[in-house]
Protein backbone atom coordinates (compact mmCIF):
# COMPACT_ATOMS: atom_id res chain seq x y z
CA MET A 1 8.61 4.94 1.75
CA LYS A 2 7.50 1.55 0.37
CA ILE A 3 5.91 2.02 -3.12
CA LYS A 4 4.30 -0.72 -5.13
CA PHE A 5 2.48 -0.29 -8.41
CA MET A 6 -0.72 -2.47 -8.30
CA TRP A 7 -3.03 -3.27 -11.25
CA ASN A 8 -5.55 -0.79 -9.62
CA GLY A 9 -3.36 1.90 -8.18
CA ILE A 10 -0.36 2.76 -6.22
CA LYS A 11 0.26 1.19 -2.76
CA ILE A 12 2.30 3.53 -0.53
CA ASN A 13 3.30 2.17 2.82
CA GLY A 14 0.42 -0.26 2.69
CA GLU A 15 -2.25 2.36 1.71
CA LEU A 16 -3.79 1.91 -1.65
CA PHE A 17 -4.26 4.99 -3.86
CA LYS A 18 -6.72 3.92 -6.48
CA ALA A 19 -5.69 4.79 -10.02
CA HIS A 20 -5.86 3.81 -13.62
CA TYR A 21 -3.03 3.77 -16.11
CA SER A 22 -2.61 4.76 -19.84
CA ASP A 23 0.23 3.92 -22.15
CA GLY A 24 -1.37 6.02 -25.02
CA SER A 25 0.89 8.28 -27.15
CA LEU A 26 1.35 11.83 -26.04
CA ILE A 27 2.27 14.77 -28.17
CA ASN A 28 4.58 16.70 -25.87
CA HIS A 29 6.15 13.91 -24.17
CA PRO A 30 8.87 11.25 -25.12
CA GLU A 31 7.80 8.18 -26.91
CA GLY A 32 6.59 5.51 -24.46
CA THR A 33 5.62 7.86 -21.68
CA LEU A 34 3.09 6.31 -19.31
CA THR A 35 0.43 8.08 -17.35
CA ILE A 36 -1.10 7.33 -14.06
CA TYR A 37 -4.44 8.99 -13.22
CA ALA A 38 -5.81 9.22 -9.64
CA LYS A 39 -9.32 8.16 -9.08
CA ARG A 40 -12.18 10.03 -7.29
CA TYR A 41 -10.24 13.41 -6.80
CA ARG A 42 -8.12 11.74 -4.12
CA PRO A 43 -4.67 13.30 -4.38
CA PHE A 44 -1.52 11.20 -4.68
CA PRO A 45 1.13 11.90 -1.88
CA GLU A 46 4.51 13.23 -2.87
CA ILE A 47 6.59 10.28 -4.25
CA PRO A 48 10.24 10.78 -4.67
CA GLY A 49 11.22 10.41 -8.40
CA LEU A 50 7.70 11.12 -9.66
CA ASN A 51 5.98 14.54 -10.39
CA VAL A 52 2.32 14.68 -9.54
CA GLN A 53 0.56 17.15 -11.80
CA ASN A 54 -2.89 18.77 -11.38
CA ASP A 55 -4.16 21.81 -13.13
CA SER A 56 -7.41 22.38 -11.14
CA ASP A 57 -8.49 25.97 -10.84
CA ILE A 58 -10.86 26.73 -8.00
CA MET A 59 -11.52 30.21 -9.20
CA THR A 60 -13.13 28.90 -12.32
CA ASP A 61 -14.65 25.70 -10.84
CA TYR A 62 -12.31 23.58 -12.85
CA PHE A 63 -11.21 20.32 -11.02
CA GLU A 64 -9.36 17.41 -12.18
CA ASN A 65 -7.68 14.33 -10.84
CA ASP A 66 -3.97 14.07 -10.23
CA ARG A 67 -1.74 12.46 -12.80
CA ILE A 68 1.78 11.30 -13.05
CA ARG A 69 3.74 11.07 -16.27
CA VAL A 70 6.34 8.40 -16.13
CA THR A 71 8.97 8.58 -18.88
CA PRO A 72 11.12 5.75 -20.22
CA ASP A 73 14.20 7.04 -18.19
CA ASN A 74 12.32 7.07 -14.81
CA VAL A 75 13.50 4.54 -12.22
CA PHE A 76 9.84 3.28 -11.81
CA TYR A 77 9.13 2.84 -15.56
CA SER A 78 9.42 -0.87 -15.65
CA GLN A 79 7.32 -1.28 -12.52
CA VAL A 80 4.48 1.02 -14.00
CA LYS A 81 4.71 -0.89 -17.29
CA GLU A 82 4.09 -4.14 -15.36
CA ALA A 83 1.16 -2.72 -13.61
CA ILE A 84 -0.27 -1.78 -16.95
CA SER A 85 0.09 -5.19 -18.12
CA LYS A 86 -1.59 -6.58 -14.97
CA ALA A 87 -4.40 -4.14 -15.29
CA ASN A 88 -5.02 -5.10 -18.94
CA ALA A 89 -4.89 -8.79 -18.06
CA HIS A 90 -7.47 -8.03 -15.34
CA TYR A 91 -9.80 -6.20 -17.69
CA ASP A 92 -9.49 -8.72 -20.43
CA LYS A 93 -10.54 -11.47 -18.03
CA ILE A 94 -13.54 -9.50 -16.88
CA ARG A 95 -14.48 -8.84 -20.56
CA GLY A 96 -14.11 -12.53 -21.46
CA ALA A 97 -16.45 -13.53 -18.57
CA LYS A 98 -19.39 -11.58 -19.88
């Protein structure tokens, strides 16, 4: 399985799963934990080394996008951190053009 973290999502075996990233502080997670949120309710596939979470409840009509928490000790941490930097640079460029 070939995994690449892009500024706009995760590319797995050449297929892009659109996502956005967050590096905001989380109360119940280690300092520096990063979060990847899926877009448009499209689920992430199983990725070895990452835990996909989704607390949707069809019985109560509650739906949410998949999310992945990446802690500093995860093997993908530096790649996700780099993707966040690229996403921030992309959005800064767009904001500067307006």
